[in-house]
Structures are given as structure tokens and as C-alpha cells.
Amino acid sequence: MKDKKEYSNESQLNLKSLVVLTRTSQTVRRQEAKTILETGLTLGQFGVLEALYHKGPLRISVVTEKILSTGGNMTVVINNLVKSGLIKKYKDKEDNRANIVELTRSGVELMDLHFPRHIENINNIYSVLDNSEKEHLINLLKKLSRV
């Protein structure tokens, strides 16, 4: 049997922080996904619709960046949303190499119907924190993201 490995207090705290952050992120994503999956959409599809719902028509490259996706995955997501009639895609008049995507009337209606429930779910998830704790969490996560 191998001996138990010993690490400095700082290393142990760093490892524990990583585990807690990862588990928390997974738990929050699972909870968030519940209402999204009830719409019949994937998380990626909902992310695209949400970006367009709040930002208006966007280049596909901007959508990809906003929802932290990859180009290959985004192509499939966009094509499926076009086929389902929730978005339309057209060439950017300023740069013919780029494509713009925009919600259709059906896409807006779907988001009008489901986004309030999504917000309610997010509010429930974060209800365990008061506003001061939320601000502190945001600041800590921003600080960590600059690594």
C-alpha cells in the first residue's frame, strides 16, 4: 500500500477550492439545464436563442464567442435552429464572408414564453446568496478568471 501523500496547507486548500468550484459549477449547470431542456432545445440552442433575444442579430462568430462554443459545434446548432424555423441566417452586407443570424417571429415567441421561467429558475438557484454575497462571488470569479 502506498503512503498517503502530504502537501502543503496552501496546496491542499488550492486543491479543495478547485474541487468545490468544479462541483458547484456542475450542480448549477444541472439545475439551470432543467428548465432549458423542458423547451425541447439543447443547452447550445438555448444559448444561441438567448444571445439573439437580448442582443439582436449577430454574426455567427460573435454568437460563438458569447456562448463559449466552438465553430464546428456552432455550425450544427445554427443549422438545426434554421431548420426548426427559430432563426434565419443571411450574409453580412459589410463582409460577404460572414453570416448574420437573427431570431424569427417563432424564435421570439418561444423565448417570450420560456425565458421568464429560465429567469425564475436562475433566481431560485442563486436565492441561497444575498446580494452582497453575489457581488463578492462575482468579484472573486472575475479575479480567478484572470489567471
N, C-alpha and C. Protein backbone atom coordinates (compact mmCIF):
# COMPACT_ATOMS: atom_id res chain seq x y z
N MET A 1 0.84 -1.18 0.00
CA MET A 1 0.00 0.00 0.00
C MET A 1 0.89 1.25 0.00
N LYS A 2 0.50 2.22 -0.82
CA LYS A 2 1.28 3.44 -0.91
C LYS A 2 1.04 4.32 0.30
N ASP A 3 2.04 5.09 0.63
CA ASP A 3 1.90 6.05 1.71
C ASP A 3 1.01 7.20 1.24
N LYS A 4 0.30 7.76 2.19
CA LYS A 4 -0.54 8.93 1.89
C LYS A 4 0.37 10.10 1.53
N LYS A 5 0.03 10.76 0.45
CA LYS A 5 0.80 11.92 0.00
C LYS A 5 0.47 13.12 0.87
N GLU A 6 1.49 13.86 1.21
CA GLU A 6 1.32 15.07 2.00
C GLU A 6 1.66 16.28 1.14
N TYR A 7 0.82 17.29 1.23
CA TYR A 7 1.02 18.53 0.50
C TYR A 7 0.95 19.68 1.49
N SER A 8 1.49 20.80 1.09
CA SER A 8 1.44 21.98 1.96
C SER A 8 -0.02 22.38 2.20
N ASN A 9 -0.24 23.14 3.25
CA ASN A 9 -1.59 23.62 3.54
C ASN A 9 -2.15 24.42 2.38
N GLU A 10 -1.29 25.25 1.76
CA GLU A 10 -1.74 26.05 0.63
C GLU A 10 -2.16 25.16 -0.54
N SER A 11 -1.36 24.12 -0.83
CA SER A 11 -1.70 23.20 -1.93
C SER A 11 -2.99 22.46 -1.64
N GLN A 12 -3.17 22.03 -0.41
CA GLN A 12 -4.41 21.34 -0.04
C GLN A 12 -5.62 22.26 -0.19
N LEU A 13 -5.47 23.50 0.22
CA LEU A 13 -6.56 24.47 0.09
C LEU A 13 -6.85 24.77 -1.37
N ASN A 14 -5.81 24.87 -2.18
CA ASN A 14 -6.00 25.10 -3.62
C ASN A 14 -6.72 23.93 -4.27
N LEU A 15 -6.32 22.71 -3.93
CA LEU A 15 -6.99 21.53 -4.48
C LEU A 15 -8.45 21.46 -4.05
N LYS A 16 -8.70 21.75 -2.78
CA LYS A 16 -10.08 21.73 -2.27
C LYS A 16 -10.90 22.81 -2.97
N SER A 17 -10.33 24.00 -3.17
CA SER A 17 -11.03 25.08 -3.87
C SER A 17 -11.41 24.65 -5.28
N LEU A 18 -10.49 23.98 -5.97
CA LEU A 18 -10.76 23.52 -7.33
C LEU A 18 -11.91 22.51 -7.35
N VAL A 19 -11.88 21.57 -6.42
CA VAL A 19 -12.94 20.55 -6.36
C VAL A 19 -14.29 21.19 -6.07
N VAL A 20 -14.33 22.10 -5.09
CA VAL A 20 -15.60 22.74 -4.73
C VAL A 20 -16.11 23.60 -5.89
N LEU A 21 -15.23 24.35 -6.53
CA LEU A 21 -15.63 25.18 -7.67
C LEU A 21 -16.18 24.31 -8.80
N THR A 22 -15.51 23.22 -9.11
CA THR A 22 -15.94 22.33 -10.19
C THR A 22 -17.29 21.69 -9.86
N ARG A 23 -17.44 21.18 -8.65
CA ARG A 23 -18.71 20.54 -8.26
C ARG A 23 -19.85 21.55 -8.25
N THR A 24 -19.57 22.75 -7.76
CA THR A 24 -20.59 23.79 -7.72
C THR A 24 -21.01 24.17 -9.13
N SER A 25 -20.05 24.34 -10.02
CA SER A 25 -20.35 24.68 -11.39
C SER A 25 -21.22 23.61 -12.04
N GLN A 26 -20.88 22.35 -11.81
CA GLN A 26 -21.67 21.25 -12.37
C GLN A 26 -23.08 21.24 -11.81
N THR A 27 -23.21 21.49 -10.51
CA THR A 27 -24.53 21.49 -9.87
C THR A 27 -25.39 22.63 -10.41
N VAL A 28 -24.81 23.82 -10.52
CA VAL A 28 -25.55 24.96 -11.03
C VAL A 28 -25.96 24.71 -12.48
N ARG A 29 -25.08 24.19 -13.30
CA ARG A 29 -25.41 23.89 -14.70
C ARG A 29 -26.52 22.86 -14.82
N ARG A 30 -26.48 21.83 -13.95
CA ARG A 30 -27.55 20.82 -13.96
C ARG A 30 -28.89 21.45 -13.61
N GLN A 31 -28.89 22.30 -12.59
CA GLN A 31 -30.13 22.97 -12.18
C GLN A 31 -30.62 23.91 -13.28
N GLU A 32 -29.70 24.63 -13.88
CA GLU A 32 -30.05 25.55 -14.97
C GLU A 32 -30.64 24.79 -16.15
N ALA A 33 -30.08 23.63 -16.43
CA ALA A 33 -30.49 22.84 -17.59
C ALA A 33 -31.92 22.33 -17.49
N LYS A 34 -32.43 22.17 -16.28
CA LYS A 34 -33.77 21.60 -16.12
C LYS A 34 -34.82 22.35 -16.92
N THR A 35 -34.89 23.66 -16.76
CA THR A 35 -35.91 24.42 -17.48
C THR A 35 -35.57 24.57 -18.96
N ILE A 36 -34.29 24.59 -19.28
CA ILE A 36 -33.90 24.70 -20.69
C ILE A 36 -34.32 23.45 -21.46
N LEU A 37 -34.03 22.29 -20.90
CA LEU A 37 -34.35 21.04 -21.60
C LEU A 37 -35.86 20.84 -21.73
N GLU A 38 -36.65 21.44 -20.84
CA GLU A 38 -38.11 21.37 -20.95
C GLU A 38 -38.63 22.05 -22.21
N THR A 39 -37.84 22.95 -22.78
CA THR A 39 -38.23 23.65 -24.01
C THR A 39 -38.08 22.76 -25.24
N GLY A 40 -37.38 21.63 -25.10
CA GLY A 40 -37.09 20.77 -26.23
C GLY A 40 -35.83 21.17 -26.96
N LEU A 41 -35.12 22.18 -26.43
CA LEU A 41 -33.88 22.65 -27.03
C LEU A 41 -32.69 22.08 -26.28
N THR A 42 -31.54 22.07 -26.95
CA THR A 42 -30.30 21.73 -26.26
C THR A 42 -29.80 22.99 -25.55
N LEU A 43 -28.82 22.82 -24.68
CA LEU A 43 -28.23 23.97 -23.99
C LEU A 43 -27.61 24.94 -24.99
N GLY A 44 -26.95 24.39 -26.01
CA GLY A 44 -26.34 25.23 -27.03
C GLY A 44 -27.38 26.02 -27.82
N GLN A 45 -28.46 25.36 -28.20
CA GLN A 45 -29.52 26.04 -28.94
C GLN A 45 -30.14 27.16 -28.11
N PHE A 46 -30.41 26.87 -26.85
CA PHE A 46 -30.98 27.89 -25.97
C PHE A 46 -30.01 29.05 -25.81
N GLY A 47 -28.73 28.75 -25.70
CA GLY A 47 -27.72 29.80 -25.58
C GLY A 47 -27.71 30.72 -26.78
N VAL A 48 -27.83 30.16 -27.97
CA VAL A 48 -27.88 30.97 -29.19
C VAL A 48 -29.13 31.84 -29.18
N LEU A 49 -30.27 31.23 -28.89
CA LEU A 49 -31.52 31.99 -28.87
C LEU A 49 -31.48 33.09 -27.81
N GLU A 50 -30.91 32.79 -26.66
CA GLU A 50 -30.81 33.79 -25.59
C GLU A 50 -29.94 34.97 -26.03
N ALA A 51 -28.80 34.68 -26.66
CA ALA A 51 -27.92 35.76 -27.13
C ALA A 51 -28.65 36.64 -28.14
N LEU A 52 -29.34 36.04 -29.09
CA LEU A 52 -30.06 36.80 -30.11
C LEU A 52 -31.26 37.54 -29.52
N TYR A 53 -31.90 36.96 -28.54
CA TYR A 53 -33.06 37.55 -27.86
C TYR A 53 -32.66 38.85 -27.17
N HIS A 54 -31.47 38.85 -26.58
CA HIS A 54 -31.03 40.03 -25.82
C HIS A 54 -30.16 40.99 -26.62
N LYS A 55 -29.47 40.51 -27.63
CA LYS A 55 -28.52 41.35 -28.37
C LYS A 55 -29.00 41.71 -29.77
N GLY A 56 -29.99 41.01 -30.28
CA GLY A 56 -30.44 41.25 -31.65
C GLY A 56 -29.58 40.45 -32.63
N PRO A 57 -29.72 40.73 -33.93
CA PRO A 57 -28.95 40.00 -34.94
C PRO A 57 -27.45 40.11 -34.68
N LEU A 58 -26.74 38.98 -34.85
CA LEU A 58 -25.30 38.93 -34.59
C LEU A 58 -24.61 38.09 -35.65
N ARG A 59 -23.34 38.39 -35.87
CA ARG A 59 -22.51 37.48 -36.68
C ARG A 59 -22.38 36.17 -35.92
N ILE A 60 -22.28 35.09 -36.67
CA ILE A 60 -22.14 33.78 -36.04
C ILE A 60 -20.89 33.73 -35.18
N SER A 61 -19.81 34.36 -35.61
CA SER A 61 -18.58 34.36 -34.81
C SER A 61 -18.79 35.02 -33.45
N VAL A 62 -19.61 36.05 -33.40
CA VAL A 62 -19.90 36.74 -32.14
C VAL A 62 -20.74 35.84 -31.24
N VAL A 63 -21.72 35.17 -31.82
CA VAL A 63 -22.56 34.24 -31.05
C VAL A 63 -21.68 33.14 -30.46
N THR A 64 -20.79 32.59 -31.27
CA THR A 64 -19.89 31.52 -30.83
C THR A 64 -19.09 31.98 -29.62
N GLU A 65 -18.57 33.19 -29.69
CA GLU A 65 -17.78 33.74 -28.60
C GLU A 65 -18.64 33.98 -27.36
N LYS A 66 -19.83 34.52 -27.54
CA LYS A 66 -20.70 34.86 -26.41
C LYS A 66 -21.15 33.63 -25.63
N ILE A 67 -21.39 32.53 -26.33
CA ILE A 67 -21.89 31.35 -25.61
C ILE A 67 -20.79 30.32 -25.35
N LEU A 68 -19.55 30.73 -25.57
CA LEU A 68 -18.39 29.89 -25.26
C LEU A 68 -18.46 28.54 -25.94
N SER A 69 -18.70 28.57 -27.24
CA SER A 69 -18.81 27.35 -28.02
C SER A 69 -17.64 27.26 -29.00
N THR A 70 -17.67 26.21 -29.81
CA THR A 70 -16.67 26.04 -30.86
C THR A 70 -17.33 26.22 -32.22
N GLY A 71 -16.55 26.58 -33.22
CA GLY A 71 -17.09 26.81 -34.55
C GLY A 71 -17.80 25.60 -35.13
N GLY A 72 -17.21 24.42 -34.98
CA GLY A 72 -17.81 23.20 -35.52
C GLY A 72 -19.14 22.89 -34.88
N ASN A 73 -19.20 23.00 -33.58
CA ASN A 73 -20.45 22.75 -32.86
C ASN A 73 -21.48 23.80 -33.22
N MET A 74 -21.04 25.04 -33.36
CA MET A 74 -21.96 26.14 -33.65
C MET A 74 -22.63 25.95 -35.01
N THR A 75 -21.91 25.43 -35.98
CA THR A 75 -22.49 25.18 -37.30
C THR A 75 -23.69 24.25 -37.20
N VAL A 76 -23.55 23.18 -36.44
CA VAL A 76 -24.64 22.22 -36.26
C VAL A 76 -25.81 22.88 -35.54
N VAL A 77 -25.51 23.60 -34.46
CA VAL A 77 -26.56 24.26 -33.67
C VAL A 77 -27.32 25.26 -34.54
N ILE A 78 -26.59 26.10 -35.25
CA ILE A 78 -27.22 27.12 -36.12
C ILE A 78 -28.08 26.46 -37.19
N ASN A 79 -27.53 25.45 -37.87
CA ASN A 79 -28.30 24.77 -38.92
C ASN A 79 -29.58 24.15 -38.38
N ASN A 80 -29.52 23.57 -37.20
CA ASN A 80 -30.72 22.97 -36.61
C ASN A 80 -31.75 24.03 -36.24
N LEU A 81 -31.29 25.18 -35.74
CA LEU A 81 -32.22 26.26 -35.40
C LEU A 81 -32.85 26.86 -36.65
N VAL A 82 -32.08 26.94 -37.74
CA VAL A 82 -32.63 27.42 -39.01
C VAL A 82 -33.70 26.44 -39.50
N LYS A 83 -33.38 25.14 -39.48
CA LYS A 83 -34.34 24.11 -39.93
C LYS A 83 -35.63 24.14 -39.12
N SER A 84 -35.50 24.43 -37.83
CA SER A 84 -36.69 24.45 -36.98
C SER A 84 -37.46 25.76 -37.08
N GLY A 85 -36.93 26.71 -37.84
CA GLY A 85 -37.63 27.97 -38.07
C GLY A 85 -37.52 28.98 -36.94
N LEU A 86 -36.57 28.76 -36.02
CA LEU A 86 -36.42 29.67 -34.88
C LEU A 86 -35.48 30.84 -35.17
N ILE A 87 -34.57 30.64 -36.13
CA ILE A 87 -33.68 31.73 -36.54
C ILE A 87 -33.57 31.73 -38.06
N LYS A 88 -33.10 32.85 -38.59
CA LYS A 88 -32.77 32.92 -40.02
C LYS A 88 -31.32 33.34 -40.13
N LYS A 89 -30.69 32.92 -41.21
CA LYS A 89 -29.27 33.18 -41.45
C LYS A 89 -29.14 33.85 -42.81
N TYR A 90 -28.30 34.89 -42.86
CA TYR A 90 -28.07 35.58 -44.13
C TYR A 90 -26.67 36.18 -44.13
N LYS A 91 -26.19 36.52 -45.31
CA LYS A 91 -24.84 37.08 -45.48
C LYS A 91 -24.78 38.49 -44.87
N ASP A 92 -23.65 38.78 -44.26
CA ASP A 92 -23.38 40.11 -43.73
C ASP A 92 -23.11 41.04 -44.91
N LYS A 93 -23.87 42.12 -45.01
CA LYS A 93 -23.70 43.06 -46.13
C LYS A 93 -22.35 43.76 -46.10
N GLU A 94 -21.75 43.89 -44.90
CA GLU A 94 -20.45 44.56 -44.77
C GLU A 94 -19.28 43.62 -45.05
N ASP A 95 -19.50 42.33 -44.87
CA ASP A 95 -18.44 41.33 -45.08
C ASP A 95 -19.10 40.06 -45.60
N ASN A 96 -19.04 39.87 -46.89
CA ASN A 96 -19.73 38.76 -47.53
C ASN A 96 -19.25 37.38 -47.06
N ARG A 97 -18.09 37.34 -46.39
CA ARG A 97 -17.58 36.06 -45.87
C ARG A 97 -18.29 35.64 -44.59
N ALA A 98 -18.92 36.61 -43.91
CA ALA A 98 -19.54 36.35 -42.62
C ALA A 98 -21.05 36.19 -42.77
N ASN A 99 -21.64 35.46 -41.82
CA ASN A 99 -23.08 35.28 -41.79
C ASN A 99 -23.66 35.90 -40.52
N ILE A 100 -24.86 36.44 -40.66
CA ILE A 100 -25.62 37.01 -39.55
C ILE A 100 -26.75 36.04 -39.22
N VAL A 101 -27.05 35.91 -37.94
CA VAL A 101 -28.22 35.13 -37.54
C VAL A 101 -29.14 36.04 -36.74
N GLU A 102 -30.43 35.75 -36.86
CA GLU A 102 -31.45 36.59 -36.24
C GLU A 102 -32.65 35.72 -35.87
N LEU A 103 -33.29 36.06 -34.77
CA LEU A 103 -34.50 35.33 -34.37
C LEU A 103 -35.61 35.58 -35.37
N THR A 104 -36.39 34.55 -35.64
CA THR A 104 -37.62 34.69 -36.41
C THR A 104 -38.73 35.02 -35.43
N ARG A 105 -39.90 35.27 -35.94
CA ARG A 105 -41.06 35.52 -35.08
C ARG A 105 -41.28 34.33 -34.14
N SER A 106 -41.14 33.11 -34.68
CA SER A 106 -41.30 31.91 -33.86
C SER A 106 -40.25 31.84 -32.75
N GLY A 107 -39.02 32.26 -33.08
CA GLY A 107 -37.95 32.26 -32.08
C GLY A 107 -38.23 33.25 -30.97
N VAL A 108 -38.72 34.44 -31.33
CA VAL A 108 -39.07 35.45 -30.32
C VAL A 108 -40.20 34.94 -29.44
N GLU A 109 -41.21 34.34 -30.07
CA GLU A 109 -42.35 33.83 -29.30
C GLU A 109 -41.92 32.72 -28.34
N LEU A 110 -41.02 31.85 -28.79
CA LEU A 110 -40.53 30.78 -27.92
C LEU A 110 -39.79 31.38 -26.72
N MET A 111 -38.93 32.37 -26.97
CA MET A 111 -38.18 32.98 -25.87
C MET A 111 -39.10 33.79 -24.96
N ASP A 112 -40.08 34.49 -25.53
CA ASP A 112 -41.06 35.22 -24.71
C ASP A 112 -41.77 34.25 -23.76
N LEU A 113 -42.03 33.07 -24.24
CA LEU A 113 -42.73 32.06 -23.44
C LEU A 113 -41.83 31.44 -22.38
N HIS A 114 -40.61 31.07 -22.77
CA HIS A 114 -39.76 30.27 -21.88
C HIS A 114 -38.72 31.04 -21.08
N PHE A 115 -38.31 32.22 -21.54
CA PHE A 115 -37.24 32.91 -20.82
C PHE A 115 -37.65 33.32 -19.40
N PRO A 116 -38.89 33.76 -19.17
CA PRO A 116 -39.27 34.09 -17.79
C PRO A 116 -39.11 32.91 -16.83
N ARG A 117 -39.42 31.72 -17.28
CA ARG A 117 -39.24 30.52 -16.44
C ARG A 117 -37.76 30.26 -16.18
N HIS A 118 -36.93 30.50 -17.20
CA HIS A 118 -35.48 30.35 -17.05
C HIS A 118 -34.97 31.33 -15.98
N ILE A 119 -35.42 32.57 -16.06
CA ILE A 119 -35.01 33.58 -15.07
C ILE A 119 -35.47 33.16 -13.67
N GLU A 120 -36.68 32.68 -13.56
CA GLU A 120 -37.19 32.22 -12.26
C GLU A 120 -36.32 31.10 -11.71
N ASN A 121 -35.91 30.18 -12.56
CA ASN A 121 -35.04 29.08 -12.16
C ASN A 121 -33.69 29.60 -11.68
N ILE A 122 -33.11 30.55 -12.43
CA ILE A 122 -31.82 31.14 -12.04
C ILE A 122 -31.97 31.85 -10.69
N ASN A 123 -33.07 32.60 -10.54
CA ASN A 123 -33.31 33.28 -9.26
C ASN A 123 -33.39 32.28 -8.11
N ASN A 124 -34.03 31.16 -8.34
CA ASN A 124 -34.13 30.13 -7.30
C ASN A 124 -32.75 29.54 -6.97
N ILE A 125 -31.95 29.30 -7.99
CA ILE A 125 -30.61 28.74 -7.77
C ILE A 125 -29.79 29.68 -6.89
N TYR A 126 -29.83 30.96 -7.21
CA TYR A 126 -28.99 31.93 -6.50
C TYR A 126 -29.64 32.52 -5.26
N SER A 127 -30.83 32.05 -4.91
CA SER A 127 -31.51 32.56 -3.73
C SER A 127 -30.81 32.20 -2.43
N VAL A 128 -29.89 31.27 -2.46
CA VAL A 128 -29.14 30.90 -1.25
C VAL A 128 -28.12 31.97 -0.88
N LEU A 129 -27.87 32.92 -1.78
CA LEU A 129 -26.92 34.01 -1.52
C LEU A 129 -27.67 35.33 -1.42
N ASP A 130 -27.21 36.21 -0.53
CA ASP A 130 -27.78 37.56 -0.52
C ASP A 130 -27.02 38.38 -1.57
N ASN A 131 -27.49 39.60 -1.83
CA ASN A 131 -26.89 40.41 -2.89
C ASN A 131 -25.43 40.71 -2.64
N SER A 132 -25.06 40.93 -1.41
CA SER A 132 -23.66 41.20 -1.08
C SER A 132 -22.79 39.98 -1.40
N GLU A 133 -23.28 38.80 -1.08
CA GLU A 133 -22.53 37.57 -1.38
C GLU A 133 -22.42 37.36 -2.88
N LYS A 134 -23.47 37.68 -3.61
CA LYS A 134 -23.42 37.55 -5.08
C LYS A 134 -22.36 38.48 -5.67
N GLU A 135 -22.33 39.72 -5.20
CA GLU A 135 -21.32 40.67 -5.68
C GLU A 135 -19.91 40.19 -5.35
N HIS A 136 -19.76 39.67 -4.14
CA HIS A 136 -18.45 39.16 -3.72
C HIS A 136 -18.05 37.96 -4.59
N LEU A 137 -18.99 37.06 -4.83
CA LEU A 137 -18.73 35.89 -5.68
C LEU A 137 -18.32 36.33 -7.08
N ILE A 138 -19.04 37.27 -7.64
CA ILE A 138 -18.71 37.78 -8.98
C ILE A 138 -17.29 38.32 -9.01
N ASN A 139 -16.95 39.13 -8.02
CA ASN A 139 -15.61 39.71 -7.97
C ASN A 139 -14.53 38.65 -7.82
N LEU A 140 -14.78 37.65 -6.98
CA LEU A 140 -13.80 36.57 -6.81
C LEU A 140 -13.63 35.77 -8.10
N LEU A 141 -14.73 35.45 -8.77
CA LEU A 141 -14.65 34.67 -10.00
C LEU A 141 -13.96 35.46 -11.11
N LYS A 142 -14.23 36.77 -11.18
CA LYS A 142 -13.54 37.60 -12.17
C LYS A 142 -12.03 37.62 -11.89
N LYS A 143 -11.68 37.73 -10.63
CA LYS A 143 -10.27 37.73 -10.25
C LYS A 143 -9.62 36.40 -10.64
N LEU A 144 -10.29 35.30 -10.38
CA LEU A 144 -9.77 33.98 -10.71
C LEU A 144 -9.68 33.80 -12.22
N SER A 145 -10.60 34.37 -12.97
CA SER A 145 -10.60 34.20 -14.42
C SER A 145 -9.44 34.90 -15.10
N ARG A 146 -8.76 35.79 -14.39
CA ARG A 146 -7.62 36.49 -14.99
C ARG A 146 -6.32 35.69 -14.89
N VAL A 147 -6.39 34.48 -14.39
CA VAL A 147 -5.18 33.65 -14.23
C VAL A 147 -4.56 33.37 -15.59
